[in-house]
Amino acid sequence: VGLSNIWDSRGDGELAMAELKSALNINPQYAPARNQLGRLALMVDKPDQAVNYYQESLKINPQDPDALNGLSQALT
């Protein structure tokens, strides 16, 4: 996740997303990585992917405020 933040700060959303996907391969239940993927997907103009990431995060924790907020942003 830390590498993802570095790539994101350098403006490379695609590489940041790749790092987060690698993190999810190690721990599929890590909702913060899914939320970060959702945020990055919105930044690179992929709202459908963002919705999917936020919905997956909500399956893990239905009360996740970051996922709920991100989902509402992705749907508007």
PDB file of N, CA and C in Angstrom:
ATOM      1  N   VAL A   1       0.835  -1.186   0.000  1.00  0.00           N
ATOM      2  CA  VAL A   1       0.000   0.000   0.000  1.00  0.00           C
ATOM      3  C   VAL A   1       0.880   1.250   0.000  1.00  0.00           C
ATOM      4  N   GLY A   2       1.987   1.179   0.700  1.00  0.00           N
ATOM      5  CA  GLY A   2       2.903   2.313   0.727  1.00  0.00           C
ATOM      6  C   GLY A   2       3.456   2.632  -0.657  1.00  0.00           C
ATOM      7  N   LEU A   3       3.788   1.600  -1.414  1.00  0.00           N
ATOM      8  CA  LEU A   3       4.261   1.826  -2.784  1.00  0.00           C
ATOM      9  C   LEU A   3       3.179   2.465  -3.636  1.00  0.00           C
ATOM     10  N   SER A   4       1.953   2.068  -3.407  1.00  0.00           N
ATOM     11  CA  SER A   4       0.842   2.664  -4.140  1.00  0.00           C
ATOM     12  C   SER A   4       0.757   4.162  -3.870  1.00  0.00           C
ATOM     13  N   ASN A   5       0.946   4.543  -2.617  1.00  0.00           N
ATOM     14  CA  ASN A   5       0.908   5.967  -2.270  1.00  0.00           C
ATOM     15  C   ASN A   5       2.020   6.745  -2.963  1.00  0.00           C
ATOM     16  N   ILE A   6       3.181   6.127  -3.079  1.00  0.00           N
ATOM     17  CA  ILE A   6       4.302   6.788  -3.767  1.00  0.00           C
ATOM     18  C   ILE A   6       3.962   6.993  -5.236  1.00  0.00           C
ATOM     19  N   TRP A   7       3.477   5.944  -5.900  1.00  0.00           N
ATOM     20  CA  TRP A   7       3.119   6.077  -7.318  1.00  0.00           C
ATOM     21  C   TRP A   7       2.011   7.100  -7.510  1.00  0.00           C
ATOM     22  N   ASP A   8       1.045   7.095  -6.598  1.00  0.00           N
ATOM     23  CA  ASP A   8      -0.056   8.051  -6.693  1.00  0.00           C
ATOM     24  C   ASP A   8       0.466   9.482  -6.541  1.00  0.00           C
ATOM     25  N   SER A   9       1.367   9.705  -5.593  1.00  0.00           N
ATOM     26  CA  SER A   9       1.898  11.061  -5.390  1.00  0.00           C
ATOM     27  C   SER A   9       2.714  11.537  -6.585  1.00  0.00           C
ATOM     28  N   ARG A  10       3.231  10.598  -7.363  1.00  0.00           N
ATOM     29  CA  ARG A  10       3.982  10.950  -8.573  1.00  0.00           C
ATOM     30  C   ARG A  10       3.074  11.074  -9.797  1.00  0.00           C
ATOM     31  N   GLY A  11       1.780  10.858  -9.588  1.00  0.00           N
ATOM     32  CA  GLY A  11       0.821  11.030 -10.668  1.00  0.00           C
ATOM     33  C   GLY A  11       0.608   9.819 -11.548  1.00  0.00           C
ATOM     34  N   ASP A  12       1.060   8.656 -11.115  1.00  0.00           N
ATOM     35  CA  ASP A  12       0.884   7.449 -11.915  1.00  0.00           C
ATOM     36  C   ASP A  12      -0.162   6.543 -11.277  1.00  0.00           C
ATOM     37  N   GLY A  13      -1.417   6.835 -11.581  1.00  0.00           N
ATOM     38  CA  GLY A  13      -2.531   6.091 -11.011  1.00  0.00           C
ATOM     39  C   GLY A  13      -2.561   4.637 -11.406  1.00  0.00           C
ATOM     40  N   GLU A  14      -2.145   4.338 -12.634  1.00  0.00           N
ATOM     41  CA  GLU A  14      -2.168   2.942 -13.101  1.00  0.00           C
ATOM     42  C   GLU A  14      -1.192   2.077 -12.307  1.00  0.00           C
ATOM     43  N   LEU A  15       0.021   2.566 -12.081  1.00  0.00           N
ATOM     44  CA  LEU A  15       0.989   1.805 -11.279  1.00  0.00           C
ATOM     45  C   LEU A  15       0.537   1.706  -9.828  1.00  0.00           C
ATOM     46  N   ALA A  16      -0.062   2.761  -9.319  1.00  0.00           N
ATOM     47  CA  ALA A  16      -0.587   2.726  -7.958  1.00  0.00           C
ATOM     48  C   ALA A  16      -1.658   1.647  -7.831  1.00  0.00           C
ATOM     49  N   MET A  17      -2.520   1.554  -8.828  1.00  0.00           N
ATOM     50  CA  MET A  17      -3.571   0.531  -8.816  1.00  0.00           C
ATOM     51  C   MET A  17      -2.962  -0.873  -8.887  1.00  0.00           C
ATOM     52  N   ALA A  18      -1.921  -1.036  -9.677  1.00  0.00           N
ATOM     53  CA  ALA A  18      -1.271  -2.344  -9.787  1.00  0.00           C
ATOM     54  C   ALA A  18      -0.693  -2.779  -8.440  1.00  0.00           C
ATOM     55  N   GLU A  19      -0.089  -1.853  -7.703  1.00  0.00           N
ATOM     56  CA  GLU A  19       0.463  -2.175  -6.387  1.00  0.00           C
ATOM     57  C   GLU A  19      -0.647  -2.600  -5.422  1.00  0.00           C
ATOM     58  N   LEU A  20      -1.774  -1.920  -5.474  1.00  0.00           N
ATOM     59  CA  LEU A  20      -2.882  -2.269  -4.579  1.00  0.00           C
ATOM     60  C   LEU A  20      -3.471  -3.629  -4.929  1.00  0.00           C
ATOM     61  N   LYS A  21      -3.535  -3.926  -6.209  1.00  0.00           N
ATOM     62  CA  LYS A  21      -4.026  -5.250  -6.616  1.00  0.00           C
ATOM     63  C   LYS A  21      -3.099  -6.340  -6.107  1.00  0.00           C
ATOM     64  N   SER A  22      -1.797  -6.063  -6.108  1.00  0.00           N
ATOM     65  CA  SER A  22      -0.837  -7.023  -5.550  1.00  0.00           C
ATOM     66  C   SER A  22      -1.079  -7.212  -4.054  1.00  0.00           C
ATOM     67  N   ALA A  23      -1.359  -6.124  -3.356  1.00  0.00           N
ATOM     68  CA  ALA A  23      -1.645  -6.218  -1.925  1.00  0.00           C
ATOM     69  C   ALA A  23      -2.888  -7.067  -1.681  1.00  0.00           C
ATOM     70  N   LEU A  24      -3.892  -6.936  -2.541  1.00  0.00           N
ATOM     71  CA  LEU A  24      -5.119  -7.723  -2.373  1.00  0.00           C
ATOM     72  C   LEU A  24      -4.894  -9.193  -2.706  1.00  0.00           C
ATOM     73  N   ASN A  25      -3.907  -9.485  -3.540  1.00  0.00           N
ATOM     74  CA  ASN A  25      -3.572 -10.893  -3.785  1.00  0.00           C
ATOM     75  C   ASN A  25      -3.033 -11.536  -2.519  1.00  0.00           C
ATOM     76  N   ILE A  26      -2.354 -10.746  -1.697  1.00  0.00           N
ATOM     77  CA  ILE A  26      -1.815 -11.256  -0.436  1.00  0.00           C
ATOM     78  C   ILE A  26      -2.914 -11.338   0.621  1.00  0.00           C
ATOM     79  N   ASN A  27      -3.743 -10.312   0.714  1.00  0.00           N
ATOM     80  CA  ASN A  27      -4.815 -10.274   1.714  1.00  0.00           C
ATOM     81  C   ASN A  27      -6.101  -9.756   1.063  1.00  0.00           C
ATOM     82  N   PRO A  28      -6.919 -10.645   0.518  1.00  0.00           N
ATOM     83  CA  PRO A  28      -8.147 -10.230  -0.168  1.00  0.00           C
ATOM     84  C   PRO A  28      -9.165  -9.515   0.714  1.00  0.00           C
ATOM     85  N   GLN A  29      -9.036  -9.617   2.022  1.00  0.00           N
ATOM     86  CA  GLN A  29      -9.984  -9.000   2.939  1.00  0.00           C
ATOM     87  C   GLN A  29      -9.588  -7.586   3.357  1.00  0.00           C
ATOM     88  N   TYR A  30      -8.509  -7.046   2.798  1.00  0.00           N
ATOM     89  CA  TYR A  30      -8.001  -5.742   3.215  1.00  0.00           C
ATOM     90  C   TYR A  30      -8.803  -4.629   2.537  1.00  0.00           C
ATOM     91  N   ALA A  31      -9.881  -4.225   3.195  1.00  0.00           N
ATOM     92  CA  ALA A  31     -10.808  -3.242   2.631  1.00  0.00           C
ATOM     93  C   ALA A  31     -10.158  -1.887   2.329  1.00  0.00           C
ATOM     94  N   PRO A  32      -9.224  -1.381   3.144  1.00  0.00           N
ATOM     95  CA  PRO A  32      -8.616  -0.094   2.796  1.00  0.00           C
ATOM     96  C   PRO A  32      -7.939  -0.093   1.415  1.00  0.00           C
ATOM     97  N   ALA A  33      -7.377  -1.212   1.021  1.00  0.00           N
ATOM     98  CA  ALA A  33      -6.780  -1.287  -0.322  1.00  0.00           C
ATOM     99  C   ALA A  33      -7.867  -1.205  -1.383  1.00  0.00           C
ATOM    100  N   ARG A  34      -8.998  -1.850  -1.147  1.00  0.00           N
ATOM    101  CA  ARG A  34     -10.114  -1.765  -2.106  1.00  0.00           C
ATOM    102  C   ARG A  34     -10.643  -0.337  -2.199  1.00  0.00           C
ATOM    103  N   ASN A  35     -10.732   0.333  -1.051  1.00  0.00           N
ATOM    104  CA  ASN A  35     -11.206   1.719  -1.062  1.00  0.00           C
ATOM    105  C   ASN A  35     -10.239   2.616  -1.822  1.00  0.00           C
ATOM    106  N   GLN A  36      -8.954   2.392  -1.618  1.00  0.00           N
ATOM    107  CA  GLN A  36      -7.942   3.164  -2.340  1.00  0.00           C
ATOM    108  C   GLN A  36      -8.021   2.871  -3.840  1.00  0.00           C
ATOM    109  N   LEU A  37      -8.258   1.617  -4.196  1.00  0.00           N
ATOM    110  CA  LEU A  37      -8.439   1.274  -5.608  1.00  0.00           C
ATOM    111  C   LEU A  37      -9.647   2.000  -6.182  1.00  0.00           C
ATOM    112  N   GLY A  38     -10.708   2.072  -5.422  1.00  0.00           N
ATOM    113  CA  GLY A  38     -11.888   2.797  -5.882  1.00  0.00           C
ATOM    114  C   GLY A  38     -11.590   4.264  -6.126  1.00  0.00           C
ATOM    115  N   ARG A  39     -10.877   4.876  -5.192  1.00  0.00           N
ATOM    116  CA  ARG A  39     -10.518   6.295  -5.343  1.00  0.00           C
ATOM    117  C   ARG A  39      -9.637   6.512  -6.569  1.00  0.00           C
ATOM    118  N   LEU A  40      -8.657   5.635  -6.745  1.00  0.00           N
ATOM    119  CA  LEU A  40      -7.773   5.765  -7.904  1.00  0.00           C
ATOM    120  C   LEU A  40      -8.516   5.508  -9.208  1.00  0.00           C
ATOM    121  N   ALA A  41      -9.434   4.556  -9.194  1.00  0.00           N
ATOM    122  CA  ALA A  41     -10.215   4.280 -10.404  1.00  0.00           C
ATOM    123  C   ALA A  41     -11.024   5.509 -10.808  1.00  0.00           C
ATOM    124  N   LEU A  42     -11.547   6.228  -9.838  1.00  0.00           N
ATOM    125  CA  LEU A  42     -12.258   7.469 -10.161  1.00  0.00           C
ATOM    126  C   LEU A  42     -11.313   8.506 -10.746  1.00  0.00           C
ATOM    127  N   MET A  43     -10.101   8.556 -10.217  1.00  0.00           N
ATOM    128  CA  MET A  43      -9.136   9.541 -10.699  1.00  0.00           C
ATOM    129  C   MET A  43      -8.692   9.277 -12.139  1.00  0.00           C
ATOM    130  N   VAL A  44      -8.651   8.003 -12.540  1.00  0.00           N
ATOM    131  CA  VAL A  44      -8.247   7.672 -13.910  1.00  0.00           C
ATOM    132  C   VAL A  44      -9.471   7.443 -14.801  1.00  0.00           C
ATOM    133  N   ASP A  45     -10.614   7.975 -14.358  1.00  0.00           N
ATOM    134  CA  ASP A  45     -11.858   7.966 -15.130  1.00  0.00           C
ATOM    135  C   ASP A  45     -12.362   6.556 -15.450  1.00  0.00           C
ATOM    136  N   LYS A  46     -12.433   5.729 -14.403  1.00  0.00           N
ATOM    137  CA  LYS A  46     -12.987   4.383 -14.524  1.00  0.00           C
ATOM    138  C   LYS A  46     -14.053   4.188 -13.450  1.00  0.00           C
ATOM    139  N   PRO A  47     -15.175   4.916 -13.564  1.00  0.00           N
ATOM    140  CA  PRO A  47     -16.179   4.860 -12.497  1.00  0.00           C
ATOM    141  C   PRO A  47     -16.796   3.475 -12.293  1.00  0.00           C
ATOM    142  N   ASP A  48     -16.925   2.684 -13.350  1.00  0.00           N
ATOM    143  CA  ASP A  48     -17.500   1.347 -13.186  1.00  0.00           C
ATOM    144  C   ASP A  48     -16.608   0.470 -12.314  1.00  0.00           C
ATOM    145  N   GLN A  49     -15.295   0.583 -12.517  1.00  0.00           N
ATOM    146  CA  GLN A  49     -14.371  -0.175 -11.678  1.00  0.00           C
ATOM    147  C   GLN A  49     -14.437   0.317 -10.239  1.00  0.00           C
ATOM    148  N   ALA A  50     -14.541   1.626 -10.072  1.00  0.00           N
ATOM    149  CA  ALA A  50     -14.621   2.192  -8.730  1.00  0.00           C
ATOM    150  C   ALA A  50     -15.829   1.638  -7.990  1.00  0.00           C
ATOM    151  N   VAL A  51     -16.980   1.597  -8.653  1.00  0.00           N
ATOM    152  CA  VAL A  51     -18.193   1.048  -8.033  1.00  0.00           C
ATOM    153  C   VAL A  51     -17.948  -0.386  -7.597  1.00  0.00           C
ATOM    154  N   ASN A  52     -17.311  -1.187  -8.445  1.00  0.00           N
ATOM    155  CA  ASN A  52     -17.043  -2.585  -8.102  1.00  0.00           C
ATOM    156  C   ASN A  52     -16.139  -2.699  -6.872  1.00  0.00           C
ATOM    157  N   TYR A  53     -15.084  -1.890  -6.816  1.00  0.00           N
ATOM    158  CA  TYR A  53     -14.177  -1.946  -5.664  1.00  0.00           C
ATOM    159  C   TYR A  53     -14.897  -1.554  -4.379  1.00  0.00           C
ATOM    160  N   TYR A  54     -15.687  -0.499  -4.438  1.00  0.00           N
ATOM    161  CA  TYR A  54     -16.403  -0.067  -3.237  1.00  0.00           C
ATOM    162  C   TYR A  54     -17.447  -1.099  -2.813  1.00  0.00           C
ATOM    163  N   GLN A  55     -18.126  -1.710  -3.763  1.00  0.00           N
ATOM    164  CA  GLN A  55     -19.111  -2.734  -3.415  1.00  0.00           C
ATOM    165  C   GLN A  55     -18.442  -3.951  -2.771  1.00  0.00           C
ATOM    166  N   GLU A  56     -17.266  -4.333  -3.290  1.00  0.00           N
ATOM    167  CA  GLU A  56     -16.536  -5.450  -2.693  1.00  0.00           C
ATOM    168  C   GLU A  56     -16.110  -5.109  -1.265  1.00  0.00           C
ATOM    169  N   SER A  57     -15.695  -3.878  -1.055  1.00  0.00           N
ATOM    170  CA  SER A  57     -15.306  -3.437   0.278  1.00  0.00           C
ATOM    171  C   SER A  57     -16.499  -3.476   1.223  1.00  0.00           C
ATOM    172  N   LEU A  58     -17.660  -3.086   0.736  1.00  0.00           N
ATOM    173  CA  LEU A  58     -18.867  -3.097   1.570  1.00  0.00           C
ATOM    174  C   LEU A  58     -19.334  -4.513   1.898  1.00  0.00           C
ATOM    175  N   LYS A  59     -18.978  -5.479   1.067  1.00  0.00           N
ATOM    176  CA  LYS A  59     -19.297  -6.872   1.392  1.00  0.00           C
ATOM    177  C   LYS A  59     -18.511  -7.319   2.619  1.00  0.00           C
ATOM    178  N   ILE A  60     -17.289  -6.801   2.750  1.00  0.00           N
ATOM    179  CA  ILE A  60     -16.450  -7.140   3.893  1.00  0.00           C
ATOM    180  C   ILE A  60     -16.932  -6.413   5.141  1.00  0.00           C
ATOM    181  N   ASN A  61     -17.242  -5.129   4.992  1.00  0.00           N
ATOM    182  CA  ASN A  61     -17.716  -4.317   6.114  1.00  0.00           C
ATOM    183  C   ASN A  61     -18.823  -3.381   5.613  1.00  0.00           C
ATOM    184  N   PRO A  62     -20.082  -3.747   5.803  1.00  0.00           N
ATOM    185  CA  PRO A  62     -21.198  -2.933   5.291  1.00  0.00           C
ATOM    186  C   PRO A  62     -21.279  -1.528   5.870  1.00  0.00           C
ATOM    187  N   GLN A  63     -20.592  -1.268   6.974  1.00  0.00           N
ATOM    188  CA  GLN A  63     -20.642   0.056   7.600  1.00  0.00           C
ATOM    189  C   GLN A  63     -19.388   0.891   7.314  1.00  0.00           C
ATOM    190  N   ASP A  64     -18.563   0.465   6.390  1.00  0.00           N
ATOM    191  CA  ASP A  64     -17.304   1.164   6.091  1.00  0.00           C
ATOM    192  C   ASP A  64     -17.601   2.557   5.545  1.00  0.00           C
ATOM    193  N   PRO A  65     -17.298   3.617   6.315  1.00  0.00           N
ATOM    194  CA  PRO A  65     -17.645   4.967   5.868  1.00  0.00           C
ATOM    195  C   PRO A  65     -16.891   5.398   4.605  1.00  0.00           C
ATOM    196  N   ASP A  66     -15.635   4.951   4.462  1.00  0.00           N
ATOM    197  CA  ASP A  66     -14.875   5.315   3.262  1.00  0.00           C
ATOM    198  C   ASP A  66     -15.498   4.691   2.012  1.00  0.00           C
ATOM    199  N   ALA A  67     -15.908   3.438   2.132  1.00  0.00           N
ATOM    200  CA  ALA A  67     -16.538   2.767   0.996  1.00  0.00           C
ATOM    201  C   ALA A  67     -17.895   3.382   0.671  1.00  0.00           C
ATOM    202  N   LEU A  68     -18.672   3.697   1.697  1.00  0.00           N
ATOM    203  CA  LEU A  68     -19.982   4.318   1.464  1.00  0.00           C
ATOM    204  C   LEU A  68     -19.834   5.692   0.791  1.00  0.00           C
ATOM    205  N   ASN A  69     -18.892   6.473   1.282  1.00  0.00           N
ATOM    206  CA  ASN A  69     -18.660   7.800   0.697  1.00  0.00           C
ATOM    207  C   ASN A  69     -18.140   7.679  -0.730  1.00  0.00           C
ATOM    208  N   GLY A  70     -17.184   6.773  -0.939  1.00  0.00           N
ATOM    209  CA  GLY A  70     -16.642   6.585  -2.283  1.00  0.00           C
ATOM    210  C   GLY A  70     -17.678   6.081  -3.259  1.00  0.00           C
ATOM    211  N   LEU A  71     -18.529   5.175  -2.808  1.00  0.00           N
ATOM    212  CA  LEU A  71     -19.578   4.652  -3.677  1.00  0.00           C
ATOM    213  C   LEU A  71     -20.533   5.743  -4.094  1.00  0.00           C
ATOM    214  N   SER A  72     -20.895   6.609  -3.158  1.00  0.00           N
ATOM    215  CA  SER A  72     -21.797   7.704  -3.511  1.00  0.00           C
ATOM    216  C   SER A  72     -21.140   8.648  -4.513  1.00  0.00           C
ATOM    217  N   GLN A  73     -19.840   8.885  -4.385  1.00  0.00           N
ATOM    218  CA  GLN A  73     -19.128   9.722  -5.362  1.00  0.00           C
ATOM    219  C   GLN A  73     -19.082   9.044  -6.729  1.00  0.00           C
ATOM    220  N   ALA A  74     -18.850   7.738  -6.730  1.00  0.00           N
ATOM    221  CA  ALA A  74     -18.749   7.019  -8.004  1.00  0.00           C
ATOM    222  C   ALA A  74     -20.073   6.978  -8.736  1.00  0.00           C
ATOM    223  N   LEU A  75     -21.152   6.962  -7.989  1.00  0.00           N
ATOM    224  CA  LEU A  75     -22.474   6.881  -8.619  1.00  0.00           C
ATOM    225  C   LEU A  75     -23.011   8.238  -9.083  1.00  0.00           C
ATOM    226  N   THR A  76     -22.372   9.315  -8.650  1.00  0.00           N
ATOM    227  CA  THR A  76     -22.857  10.631  -9.084  1.00  0.00           C
ATOM    228  C   THR A  76     -21.992  11.226 -10.167  1.00  0.00           C
TER     229      THR A  76
END
